[in-house]
Amino acid sequence: MRTLCASTLIGEFFVIGFAGLVAMKDPDLAMSTVWTVCGIGMLVSVLLCGVITRPGGVALGWVFQVALIASGFVVPMMWGLGLLFAALWWASVHYGRVIDAAKAARASAPAA
C-alpha cells in the first residue's frame, strides 16, 4: 500500500506546484501567500509519504484529499484534479491493501 499511496502523494506534490503557478496569475492573491500555502501543501504531501503506514496515516491522507478538492475555490481547475486524485487515493488504498494481503498470504504459505 505504501508504494501506491506514496506515488499518488508525489503526483499531488507536482499538481500543487503547478496550481501555484496558475494561482500566481490572480491579481487578488499575493504571491507570498500563494507560495506559502502551496509550499506547505507540497511539504505535507511529502511528509505524508512517510507516515502512510502508521495509524491514522490513511485518514490524514483523506483530509489532504479534501483540502486538495477545496483548493478549487481558488483555482477552479482543482475541482476536477482534486476529484481525480481523490479517486486515485481511494484506488491506492484499496488495491494496496489487496496487494499487501496477497503478499502476506504468499509469505505464510508453506514452501512446495
N, C-alpha and C. Protein backbone atom coordinates (compact mmCIF):
# COMPACT_ATOMS: atom_id res chain seq x y z
N MET A 1 0.82 -1.18 0.00
CA MET A 1 0.00 0.00 0.00
C MET A 1 0.87 1.25 0.00
N ARG A 2 1.98 1.18 0.69
CA ARG A 2 2.83 2.35 0.83
C ARG A 2 3.29 2.89 -0.52
N THR A 3 3.68 2.02 -1.42
CA THR A 3 4.20 2.45 -2.71
C THR A 3 3.12 3.15 -3.54
N LEU A 4 1.93 2.56 -3.59
CA LEU A 4 0.85 3.16 -4.37
C LEU A 4 0.43 4.51 -3.80
N CYS A 5 0.28 4.57 -2.48
CA CYS A 5 -0.14 5.83 -1.85
C CYS A 5 0.94 6.90 -1.99
N ALA A 6 2.19 6.51 -1.84
CA ALA A 6 3.28 7.49 -1.98
C ALA A 6 3.34 8.01 -3.42
N SER A 7 3.09 7.16 -4.39
CA SER A 7 3.08 7.61 -5.79
C SER A 7 1.99 8.65 -6.02
N THR A 8 0.82 8.43 -5.44
CA THR A 8 -0.27 9.39 -5.57
C THR A 8 0.10 10.71 -4.90
N LEU A 9 0.68 10.62 -3.72
CA LEU A 9 1.06 11.84 -3.00
C LEU A 9 2.15 12.63 -3.73
N ILE A 10 3.08 11.95 -4.34
CA ILE A 10 4.13 12.65 -5.09
C ILE A 10 3.53 13.30 -6.34
N GLY A 11 2.57 12.64 -6.96
CA GLY A 11 1.85 13.27 -8.07
C GLY A 11 1.15 14.54 -7.63
N GLU A 12 0.57 14.50 -6.44
CA GLU A 12 -0.09 15.68 -5.89
C GLU A 12 0.91 16.78 -5.60
N PHE A 13 2.11 16.42 -5.22
CA PHE A 13 3.17 17.40 -4.99
C PHE A 13 3.35 18.28 -6.22
N PHE A 14 3.44 17.65 -7.37
CA PHE A 14 3.63 18.39 -8.62
C PHE A 14 2.38 19.19 -9.01
N VAL A 15 1.21 18.61 -8.80
CA VAL A 15 -0.03 19.30 -9.13
C VAL A 15 -0.18 20.56 -8.28
N ILE A 16 0.16 20.48 -7.01
CA ILE A 16 0.09 21.65 -6.13
C ILE A 16 1.04 22.74 -6.63
N GLY A 17 2.23 22.34 -7.03
CA GLY A 17 3.18 23.31 -7.57
C GLY A 17 2.67 23.99 -8.82
N PHE A 18 2.08 23.22 -9.73
CA PHE A 18 1.53 23.80 -10.95
C PHE A 18 0.31 24.67 -10.65
N ALA A 19 -0.49 24.27 -9.65
CA ALA A 19 -1.64 25.09 -9.25
C ALA A 19 -1.15 26.42 -8.69
N GLY A 20 -0.02 26.41 -8.02
CA GLY A 20 0.57 27.65 -7.52
C GLY A 20 0.94 28.59 -8.65
N LEU A 21 1.45 28.02 -9.72
CA LEU A 21 1.78 28.84 -10.89
C LEU A 21 0.53 29.48 -11.49
N VAL A 22 -0.56 28.73 -11.50
CA VAL A 22 -1.82 29.27 -12.02
C VAL A 22 -2.37 30.33 -11.07
N ALA A 23 -2.34 30.05 -9.77
CA ALA A 23 -2.87 30.98 -8.78
C ALA A 23 -2.07 32.28 -8.75
N MET A 24 -0.81 32.21 -9.12
CA MET A 24 0.05 33.39 -9.14
C MET A 24 -0.48 34.44 -10.11
N LYS A 25 -1.20 34.03 -11.12
CA LYS A 25 -1.73 34.94 -12.14
C LYS A 25 -2.94 35.74 -11.63
N ASP A 26 -3.53 35.32 -10.51
CA ASP A 26 -4.69 36.01 -9.96
C ASP A 26 -4.24 37.30 -9.28
N PRO A 27 -4.72 38.45 -9.76
CA PRO A 27 -4.25 39.72 -9.19
C PRO A 27 -4.74 39.95 -7.75
N ASP A 28 -5.76 39.22 -7.31
CA ASP A 28 -6.28 39.38 -5.96
C ASP A 28 -5.47 38.63 -4.91
N LEU A 29 -4.56 37.77 -5.34
CA LEU A 29 -3.77 36.96 -4.41
C LEU A 29 -2.33 37.46 -4.37
N ALA A 30 -1.82 37.59 -3.16
CA ALA A 30 -0.42 37.97 -3.01
C ALA A 30 0.47 36.78 -3.33
N MET A 31 1.55 37.03 -4.04
CA MET A 31 2.45 35.95 -4.44
C MET A 31 3.01 35.23 -3.21
N SER A 32 3.31 35.97 -2.16
CA SER A 32 3.86 35.35 -0.95
C SER A 32 2.84 34.41 -0.31
N THR A 33 1.57 34.78 -0.34
CA THR A 33 0.52 33.92 0.21
C THR A 33 0.37 32.66 -0.62
N VAL A 34 0.35 32.82 -1.92
CA VAL A 34 0.21 31.66 -2.82
C VAL A 34 1.32 30.66 -2.57
N TRP A 35 2.56 31.13 -2.51
CA TRP A 35 3.67 30.20 -2.38
C TRP A 35 3.84 29.68 -0.96
N THR A 36 3.36 30.41 0.03
CA THR A 36 3.36 29.87 1.39
C THR A 36 2.38 28.71 1.49
N VAL A 37 1.17 28.92 0.99
CA VAL A 37 0.15 27.86 1.03
C VAL A 37 0.57 26.67 0.18
N CYS A 38 1.05 26.93 -1.03
CA CYS A 38 1.48 25.83 -1.90
C CYS A 38 2.69 25.10 -1.32
N GLY A 39 3.62 25.85 -0.76
CA GLY A 39 4.79 25.21 -0.15
C GLY A 39 4.42 24.31 1.00
N ILE A 40 3.48 24.77 1.84
CA ILE A 40 3.02 23.94 2.95
C ILE A 40 2.32 22.70 2.41
N GLY A 41 1.48 22.87 1.40
CA GLY A 41 0.80 21.72 0.80
C GLY A 41 1.77 20.72 0.19
N MET A 42 2.80 21.24 -0.48
CA MET A 42 3.80 20.34 -1.08
C MET A 42 4.58 19.61 0.01
N LEU A 43 4.92 20.32 1.07
CA LEU A 43 5.64 19.69 2.18
C LEU A 43 4.79 18.61 2.85
N VAL A 44 3.52 18.91 3.05
CA VAL A 44 2.62 17.93 3.67
C VAL A 44 2.50 16.68 2.79
N SER A 45 2.44 16.86 1.49
CA SER A 45 2.32 15.69 0.61
C SER A 45 3.55 14.79 0.73
N VAL A 46 4.73 15.38 0.86
CA VAL A 46 5.94 14.58 1.01
C VAL A 46 5.99 13.93 2.39
N LEU A 47 5.62 14.67 3.43
CA LEU A 47 5.64 14.12 4.78
C LEU A 47 4.63 12.98 4.95
N LEU A 48 3.50 13.09 4.27
CA LEU A 48 2.50 12.01 4.34
C LEU A 48 3.03 10.71 3.76
N CYS A 49 3.96 10.79 2.83
CA CYS A 49 4.56 9.57 2.28
C CYS A 49 5.24 8.76 3.38
N GLY A 50 5.78 9.43 4.37
CA GLY A 50 6.49 8.74 5.44
C GLY A 50 5.60 8.19 6.53
N VAL A 51 4.39 8.71 6.67
CA VAL A 51 3.52 8.26 7.76
C VAL A 51 2.33 7.44 7.28
N ILE A 52 2.31 7.10 6.03
CA ILE A 52 1.14 6.44 5.46
C ILE A 52 0.84 5.08 6.09
N THR A 53 1.85 4.37 6.54
CA THR A 53 1.62 3.04 7.12
C THR A 53 1.40 3.09 8.63
N ARG A 54 1.52 4.25 9.22
CA ARG A 54 1.29 4.39 10.66
C ARG A 54 -0.20 4.58 10.94
N PRO A 55 -0.61 4.32 12.17
CA PRO A 55 -2.03 4.52 12.50
C PRO A 55 -2.46 5.96 12.22
N GLY A 56 -3.55 6.10 11.52
CA GLY A 56 -4.07 7.41 11.18
C GLY A 56 -3.49 8.00 9.91
N GLY A 57 -2.51 7.34 9.32
CA GLY A 57 -1.88 7.86 8.11
C GLY A 57 -2.84 7.95 6.93
N VAL A 58 -3.66 6.93 6.75
CA VAL A 58 -4.62 6.94 5.65
C VAL A 58 -5.68 8.01 5.89
N ALA A 59 -6.10 8.18 7.15
CA ALA A 59 -7.09 9.21 7.48
C ALA A 59 -6.52 10.60 7.19
N LEU A 60 -5.26 10.82 7.52
CA LEU A 60 -4.62 12.09 7.21
C LEU A 60 -4.56 12.31 5.69
N GLY A 61 -4.35 11.22 4.97
CA GLY A 61 -4.36 11.30 3.51
C GLY A 61 -5.72 11.73 2.99
N TRP A 62 -6.79 11.22 3.60
CA TRP A 62 -8.13 11.63 3.18
C TRP A 62 -8.38 13.11 3.48
N VAL A 63 -7.89 13.57 4.63
CA VAL A 63 -8.02 15.00 4.95
C VAL A 63 -7.29 15.83 3.90
N PHE A 64 -6.13 15.36 3.50
CA PHE A 64 -5.36 16.06 2.47
C PHE A 64 -6.11 16.08 1.15
N GLN A 65 -6.80 14.99 0.83
CA GLN A 65 -7.58 14.95 -0.42
C GLN A 65 -8.71 15.98 -0.38
N VAL A 66 -9.37 16.10 0.76
CA VAL A 66 -10.45 17.09 0.90
C VAL A 66 -9.89 18.50 0.73
N ALA A 67 -8.72 18.75 1.31
CA ALA A 67 -8.09 20.07 1.16
C ALA A 67 -7.74 20.34 -0.30
N LEU A 68 -7.28 19.32 -0.99
CA LEU A 68 -6.94 19.50 -2.40
C LEU A 68 -8.18 19.82 -3.23
N ILE A 69 -9.28 19.15 -2.94
CA ILE A 69 -10.54 19.44 -3.64
C ILE A 69 -10.99 20.86 -3.31
N ALA A 70 -10.89 21.24 -2.04
CA ALA A 70 -11.32 22.58 -1.61
C ALA A 70 -10.49 23.69 -2.23
N SER A 71 -9.29 23.36 -2.68
CA SER A 71 -8.47 24.38 -3.33
C SER A 71 -9.10 24.85 -4.64
N GLY A 72 -10.16 24.17 -5.07
CA GLY A 72 -10.90 24.59 -6.24
C GLY A 72 -11.56 25.95 -6.06
N PHE A 73 -11.72 26.40 -4.82
CA PHE A 73 -12.27 27.73 -4.58
C PHE A 73 -11.31 28.81 -5.07
N VAL A 74 -10.01 28.50 -5.10
CA VAL A 74 -9.01 29.46 -5.53
C VAL A 74 -8.64 29.24 -6.99
N VAL A 75 -8.38 27.99 -7.35
CA VAL A 75 -8.04 27.62 -8.74
C VAL A 75 -9.11 26.64 -9.20
N PRO A 76 -10.09 27.10 -9.99
CA PRO A 76 -11.23 26.25 -10.36
C PRO A 76 -10.87 24.90 -10.98
N MET A 77 -9.75 24.83 -11.69
CA MET A 77 -9.34 23.56 -12.29
C MET A 77 -9.08 22.49 -11.23
N MET A 78 -8.81 22.92 -10.01
CA MET A 78 -8.50 21.96 -8.94
C MET A 78 -9.72 21.17 -8.49
N TRP A 79 -10.94 21.63 -8.84
CA TRP A 79 -12.11 20.80 -8.54
C TRP A 79 -11.96 19.45 -9.23
N GLY A 80 -11.69 19.50 -10.52
CA GLY A 80 -11.54 18.26 -11.29
C GLY A 80 -10.30 17.48 -10.89
N LEU A 81 -9.16 18.17 -10.76
CA LEU A 81 -7.93 17.47 -10.39
C LEU A 81 -8.01 16.91 -8.97
N GLY A 82 -8.65 17.66 -8.07
CA GLY A 82 -8.81 17.15 -6.71
C GLY A 82 -9.65 15.89 -6.67
N LEU A 83 -10.74 15.89 -7.43
CA LEU A 83 -11.58 14.68 -7.50
C LEU A 83 -10.83 13.52 -8.14
N LEU A 84 -10.05 13.82 -9.17
CA LEU A 84 -9.26 12.78 -9.82
C LEU A 84 -8.25 12.17 -8.83
N PHE A 85 -7.56 13.02 -8.09
CA PHE A 85 -6.59 12.50 -7.13
C PHE A 85 -7.25 11.82 -5.94
N ALA A 86 -8.46 12.25 -5.57
CA ALA A 86 -9.19 11.54 -4.52
C ALA A 86 -9.55 10.13 -4.98
N ALA A 87 -9.92 10.00 -6.25
CA ALA A 87 -10.20 8.67 -6.80
C ALA A 87 -8.93 7.83 -6.85
N LEU A 88 -7.82 8.45 -7.24
CA LEU A 88 -6.54 7.73 -7.23
C LEU A 88 -6.15 7.33 -5.82
N TRP A 89 -6.43 8.19 -4.86
CA TRP A 89 -6.12 7.88 -3.46
C TRP A 89 -6.93 6.67 -3.01
N TRP A 90 -8.23 6.67 -3.32
CA TRP A 90 -9.06 5.53 -2.96
C TRP A 90 -8.51 4.25 -3.58
N ALA A 91 -8.17 4.30 -4.87
CA ALA A 91 -7.65 3.12 -5.55
C ALA A 91 -6.32 2.69 -4.94
N SER A 92 -5.48 3.63 -4.59
CA SER A 92 -4.18 3.29 -3.99
C SER A 92 -4.37 2.60 -2.65
N VAL A 93 -5.28 3.10 -1.83
CA VAL A 93 -5.53 2.49 -0.53
C VAL A 93 -6.18 1.12 -0.70
N HIS A 94 -7.22 1.05 -1.53
CA HIS A 94 -7.95 -0.20 -1.72
C HIS A 94 -7.07 -1.30 -2.30
N TYR A 95 -6.47 -1.02 -3.44
CA TYR A 95 -5.67 -2.05 -4.10
C TYR A 95 -4.35 -2.29 -3.38
N GLY A 96 -3.84 -1.30 -2.69
CA GLY A 96 -2.64 -1.51 -1.88
C GLY A 96 -2.89 -2.51 -0.76
N ARG A 97 -4.07 -2.42 -0.14
CA ARG A 97 -4.42 -3.39 0.91
C ARG A 97 -4.61 -4.79 0.32
N VAL A 98 -5.20 -4.86 -0.87
CA VAL A 98 -5.37 -6.16 -1.54
C VAL A 98 -4.00 -6.78 -1.83
N ILE A 99 -3.09 -5.98 -2.33
CA ILE A 99 -1.74 -6.47 -2.64
C ILE A 99 -1.02 -6.89 -1.37
N ASP A 100 -1.14 -6.10 -0.31
CA ASP A 100 -0.49 -6.44 0.96
C ASP A 100 -1.03 -7.76 1.52
N ALA A 101 -2.34 -7.97 1.40
CA ALA A 101 -2.94 -9.21 1.88
C ALA A 101 -2.45 -10.40 1.05
N ALA A 102 -2.33 -10.21 -0.25
CA ALA A 102 -1.84 -11.29 -1.12
C ALA A 102 -0.38 -11.61 -0.80
N LYS A 103 0.43 -10.59 -0.54
CA LYS A 103 1.83 -10.82 -0.18
C LYS A 103 1.94 -11.56 1.16
N ALA A 104 1.09 -11.18 2.12
CA ALA A 104 1.11 -11.84 3.42
C ALA A 104 0.68 -13.30 3.30
N ALA A 105 -0.32 -13.57 2.48
CA ALA A 105 -0.79 -14.95 2.29
C ALA A 105 0.29 -15.77 1.60
N ARG A 106 0.98 -15.16 0.65
CA ARG A 106 2.04 -15.86 -0.05
C ARG A 106 3.22 -16.15 0.86
N ALA A 107 3.53 -15.21 1.72
CA ALA A 107 4.67 -15.38 2.64
C ALA A 107 4.37 -16.44 3.70
N SER A 108 3.10 -16.56 4.09
CA SER A 108 2.77 -17.53 5.14
C SER A 108 2.49 -18.92 4.59
N ALA A 109 2.37 -19.06 3.27
CA ALA A 109 2.12 -20.36 2.66
C ALA A 109 3.38 -21.23 2.77
N PRO A 110 3.19 -22.50 3.03
CA PRO A 110 4.37 -23.39 3.12
C PRO A 110 5.05 -23.54 1.76
N ALA A 111 6.36 -23.63 1.79
CA ALA A 111 7.12 -23.79 0.55
C ALA A 111 6.86 -25.18 -0.04
N ALA A 112 6.70 -25.22 -1.35
CA ALA A 112 6.40 -26.51 -2.01
C ALA A 112 7.66 -27.26 -2.33
